[in-house]
């Protein structure tokens, strides 16, 4: 089982679960910092931030290998680690007594890669996928692989040299072609990072997705 940080809602039983997936050489604690900004506006949301399954030589953890974005082995890596993420998510949902439709995934960098890969292949559609500074792998396989179509928002810095903004546009186009309601937002003067504007955009997206799912139910 993955090591993880958890934060329960402030004042209510949990109605939603946000799972954070961190970037290369990082830990769950880095993304749990997002909850510091979001928790006030999300009083019924539980947050969990696992560490990736494999330690890196530079410290921290990873979900997939440190490879160029166009390396086809990234897809193989993602396929290999997806069952680990799915098992973790299912265990967390059961622990909180939440239905799988109450799940949102939030990733950064290769965590975005895995949020998209795992989220689009879950049997029950997540409420939303929010990805920062990352994109899709195995785009040519998605039409066959896809099982669920949650709304997706991708946010990318225009100055990001590690995950260039064109990758976000390619991902949004690919997602749209397979019937996913997807949007991309590029932010000027932002490199491979998440700033206050990115967090505000993410919070608005998640709150809108929660409200829509609460009103209309799972697809």
Protein backbone atom coordinates (compact mmCIF):
# COMPACT_ATOMS: atom_id res chain seq x y z
CA UNK A 1 0.00 0.00 0.00
CA UNK A 2 1.24 3.48 -0.83
CA UNK A 3 2.29 5.80 1.96
CA UNK A 4 -0.05 8.82 2.05
CA UNK A 5 -1.04 12.00 3.84
CA UNK A 6 -4.76 12.43 4.58
CA UNK A 7 -6.90 15.39 5.51
CA UNK A 8 -10.54 15.04 6.48
CA UNK A 9 -13.14 17.78 6.01
CA UNK A 10 -13.21 20.57 8.57
CA UNK A 11 -16.80 20.40 9.67
CA UNK A 12 -18.70 17.62 7.96
CA UNK A 13 -18.64 14.01 6.92
CA UNK A 14 -16.82 13.68 3.59
CA UNK A 15 -18.94 13.89 0.47
CA UNK A 16 -16.08 13.97 -2.05
CA UNK A 17 -12.54 12.64 -2.29
CA UNK A 18 -9.69 14.48 -4.01
CA UNK A 19 -6.63 12.34 -4.73
CA UNK A 20 -3.41 14.23 -5.44
CA UNK A 21 -0.74 12.64 -7.67
CA UNK A 22 2.65 14.36 -7.43
CA UNK A 23 5.41 14.92 -9.97
CA UNK A 24 8.80 13.26 -10.43
CA UNK A 25 11.09 13.32 -7.40
CA UNK A 26 8.38 14.76 -5.18
CA UNK A 27 6.09 13.46 -2.44
CA UNK A 28 2.43 13.59 -1.61
CA UNK A 29 3.17 16.31 0.95
CA UNK A 30 4.04 18.76 -1.83
CA UNK A 31 0.60 18.55 -3.39
CA UNK A 32 -1.24 18.33 -0.09
CA UNK A 33 -0.23 21.99 0.23
CA UNK A 34 -2.95 22.70 -2.37
CA UNK A 35 -5.50 21.72 0.26
CA UNK A 36 -4.30 24.61 2.41
CA UNK A 37 -5.79 26.94 -0.21
CA UNK A 38 -8.83 24.89 -1.15
CA UNK A 39 -10.18 23.48 2.09
CA UNK A 40 -12.06 26.60 3.19
CA UNK A 41 -14.14 26.56 0.01
CA UNK A 42 -14.43 22.76 0.04
CA UNK A 43 -15.66 21.91 3.56
CA UNK A 44 -17.07 18.50 2.58
CA UNK A 45 -14.00 17.28 0.67
CA UNK A 46 -11.47 14.76 1.97
CA UNK A 47 -7.97 15.04 0.53
CA UNK A 48 -5.37 12.30 0.20
CA UNK A 49 -1.88 12.56 -1.27
CA UNK A 50 0.04 9.30 -1.75
CA UNK A 51 3.75 8.97 -2.46
CA UNK A 52 4.58 7.25 -5.72
CA UNK A 53 5.54 3.56 -5.55
CA UNK A 54 9.17 3.95 -6.61
CA UNK A 55 11.91 6.01 -4.97
CA UNK A 56 14.08 8.12 -7.28
CA UNK A 57 17.85 8.42 -7.07
CA UNK A 58 17.47 12.16 -6.54
CA UNK A 59 15.11 11.76 -3.59
CA UNK A 60 11.34 11.66 -3.57
CA UNK A 61 9.24 9.26 -5.61
CA UNK A 62 7.93 8.62 -9.10
CA UNK A 63 4.94 7.01 -10.81
CA UNK A 64 6.63 6.36 -14.15
CA UNK A 65 10.20 6.52 -15.40
CA UNK A 66 11.96 9.80 -16.05
CA UNK A 67 11.66 9.74 -19.84
CA UNK A 68 11.10 12.23 -22.68
CA UNK A 69 7.46 13.05 -23.21
CA UNK A 70 7.39 11.29 -26.58
CA UNK A 71 8.96 8.06 -25.30
CA UNK A 72 6.49 5.19 -25.94
CA UNK A 73 7.75 3.44 -22.81
CA UNK A 74 5.86 6.03 -20.76
CA UNK A 75 2.62 4.37 -21.79
CA UNK A 76 3.96 0.97 -20.71
CA UNK A 77 5.03 2.47 -17.39
CA UNK A 78 1.58 3.97 -16.91
CA UNK A 79 -0.13 0.65 -17.67
CA UNK A 80 2.11 -1.08 -15.13
CA UNK A 81 1.38 1.34 -12.27
CA UNK A 82 -2.32 1.89 -12.96
CA UNK A 83 -3.46 -1.12 -10.84
CA UNK A 84 -1.49 0.26 -7.88
CA UNK A 85 -3.26 3.61 -8.15
CA UNK A 86 -6.67 2.03 -8.69
CA UNK A 87 -6.28 -0.19 -5.64
CA UNK A 88 -5.21 2.80 -3.54
CA UNK A 89 -8.18 4.87 -4.73
CA UNK A 90 -10.68 2.07 -4.14
CA UNK A 91 -9.33 1.50 -0.64
CA UNK A 92 -9.60 5.21 0.19
CA UNK A 93 -13.15 5.44 -1.15
CA UNK A 94 -14.18 2.41 0.92
CA UNK A 95 -12.50 3.84 4.01
CA UNK A 96 -14.55 7.02 3.64
CA UNK A 97 -17.71 5.13 2.63
CA UNK A 98 -17.87 7.05 -0.64
CA UNK A 99 -19.12 5.89 -4.03
CA UNK A 100 -16.56 5.85 -6.84
CA UNK A 101 -18.47 8.66 -8.58
CA UNK A 102 -17.38 10.97 -5.74
CA UNK A 103 -13.72 10.89 -6.81
CA UNK A 104 -11.69 13.73 -8.31
CA UNK A 105 -8.08 13.35 -9.43
CA UNK A 106 -5.56 16.19 -9.33
CA UNK A 107 -2.08 15.76 -10.77
CA UNK A 108 1.10 17.69 -11.37
CA UNK A 109 3.59 16.82 -14.14
CA UNK A 110 3.85 13.01 -14.32
CA UNK A 111 1.06 12.97 -11.74
CA UNK A 112 -1.13 14.59 -14.41
CA UNK A 113 -0.05 11.86 -16.81
CA UNK A 114 -1.23 9.25 -14.31
CA UNK A 115 -4.41 11.09 -13.33
CA UNK A 116 -5.45 11.10 -16.98
CA UNK A 117 -4.30 7.56 -17.66
CA UNK A 118 -5.97 6.02 -14.62
CA UNK A 119 -9.01 8.29 -14.48
CA UNK A 120 -10.07 7.71 -18.07
CA UNK A 121 -9.83 3.95 -17.57
CA UNK A 122 -11.84 3.64 -14.34
CA UNK A 123 -15.05 1.65 -14.54
CA UNK A 124 -17.03 4.43 -12.86
CA UNK A 125 -16.57 7.97 -14.12
CA UNK A 126 -14.70 10.28 -11.73
CA UNK A 127 -16.30 13.64 -11.02
CA UNK A 128 -13.34 15.48 -12.58
CA UNK A 129 -9.67 15.34 -13.55
CA UNK A 130 -7.53 18.43 -12.99
CA UNK A 131 -4.00 18.37 -14.35
CA UNK A 132 -1.16 20.83 -13.96
CA UNK A 133 1.92 20.87 -16.21
CA UNK A 134 1.39 17.48 -17.79
CA UNK A 135 -0.34 15.64 -20.60
CA UNK A 136 -1.42 12.38 -22.17
CA UNK A 137 0.56 9.29 -23.07
CA UNK A 138 -0.62 6.62 -25.47
CA UNK A 139 -2.85 9.01 -27.37
CA UNK A 140 -3.19 6.53 -30.22
CA UNK A 141 -4.53 3.91 -27.81
CA UNK A 142 -7.07 6.06 -25.98
CA UNK A 143 -10.00 5.39 -28.32
CA UNK A 144 -9.76 1.68 -27.45
CA UNK A 145 -8.74 2.04 -23.80
CA UNK A 146 -11.16 4.70 -22.58
CA UNK A 147 -13.89 3.62 -20.17
CA UNK A 148 -15.05 6.88 -18.60
CA UNK A 149 -15.32 10.49 -19.73
CA UNK A 150 -15.07 12.90 -16.79
CA UNK A 151 -14.64 16.63 -17.41
CA UNK A 152 -10.96 17.55 -17.66
CA UNK A 153 -9.12 20.82 -17.09
CA UNK A 154 -5.44 21.10 -17.94
CA UNK A 155 -3.42 24.12 -16.76
CA UNK A 156 0.04 24.84 -18.12
CA UNK A 157 2.57 27.63 -17.79
CA UNK A 158 3.59 29.28 -21.05
CA UNK A 159 7.21 29.27 -19.84
CA UNK A 160 7.21 25.58 -18.89
CA UNK A 161 10.30 23.96 -20.42
CA UNK A 162 9.69 20.51 -18.90
CA UNK A 163 6.08 20.18 -20.08
CA UNK A 164 5.76 22.63 -23.00
CA UNK A 165 2.36 24.21 -23.40
CA UNK A 166 1.80 22.68 -26.84
CA UNK A 167 1.49 19.29 -25.11
CA UNK A 168 -1.52 20.62 -23.24
CA UNK A 169 -3.16 21.67 -26.50
CA UNK A 170 -2.48 18.27 -28.07
CA UNK A 171 -3.96 16.53 -25.03
CA UNK A 172 -7.12 18.66 -25.09
CA UNK A 173 -7.58 17.97 -28.80
CA UNK A 174 -7.13 14.23 -28.30
CA UNK A 175 -9.54 14.15 -25.37
CA UNK A 176 -12.16 16.09 -27.30
CA UNK A 177 -11.88 13.65 -30.20
CA UNK A 178 -12.87 10.75 -27.92
CA UNK A 179 -15.83 12.58 -26.41
CA UNK A 180 -14.29 14.04 -23.25
CA UNK A 181 -15.31 17.58 -22.30
CA UNK A 182 -11.83 19.01 -21.94
CA UNK A 183 -10.37 22.50 -21.65
CA UNK A 184 -6.86 23.88 -21.45
CA UNK A 185 -5.67 27.07 -19.80
CA UNK A 186 -2.20 28.48 -20.40
CA UNK A 187 -0.80 30.97 -17.91
CA UNK A 188 1.76 33.63 -18.88
CA UNK A 189 4.95 34.04 -16.86
CA UNK A 190 4.54 30.60 -15.29
CA UNK A 191 7.14 27.85 -15.68
CA UNK A 192 6.94 24.26 -14.38
CA UNK A 193 4.99 25.18 -11.27
CA UNK A 194 1.59 25.96 -9.80
CA UNK A 195 0.88 29.53 -8.69
CA UNK A 196 -2.07 31.29 -7.04
CA UNK A 197 -3.85 31.84 -10.36
CA UNK A 198 -3.53 28.15 -11.21
CA UNK A 199 -4.92 27.18 -7.82
CA UNK A 200 -7.88 29.53 -8.22
CA UNK A 201 -8.66 28.09 -11.66
CA UNK A 202 -8.43 24.58 -10.26
CA UNK A 203 -10.68 25.33 -7.30
CA UNK A 204 -13.37 26.85 -9.51
CA UNK A 205 -13.26 23.86 -11.83
CA UNK A 206 -13.54 21.32 -9.01
CA UNK A 207 -16.35 23.18 -7.25
CA UNK A 208 -18.28 23.41 -10.51
CA UNK A 209 -17.77 19.70 -11.15
CA UNK A 210 -18.89 18.79 -7.62
CA UNK A 211 -22.02 20.92 -7.99
CA UNK A 212 -22.89 19.41 -11.37
CA UNK A 213 -22.40 15.84 -10.14
CA UNK A 214 -24.46 16.52 -7.01
CA UNK A 215 -27.32 17.86 -9.11
CA UNK A 216 -27.24 15.44 -12.03
CA UNK A 217 -25.63 12.31 -10.59
CA UNK A 218 -23.10 10.03 -12.27
CA UNK A 219 -23.23 9.43 -15.99
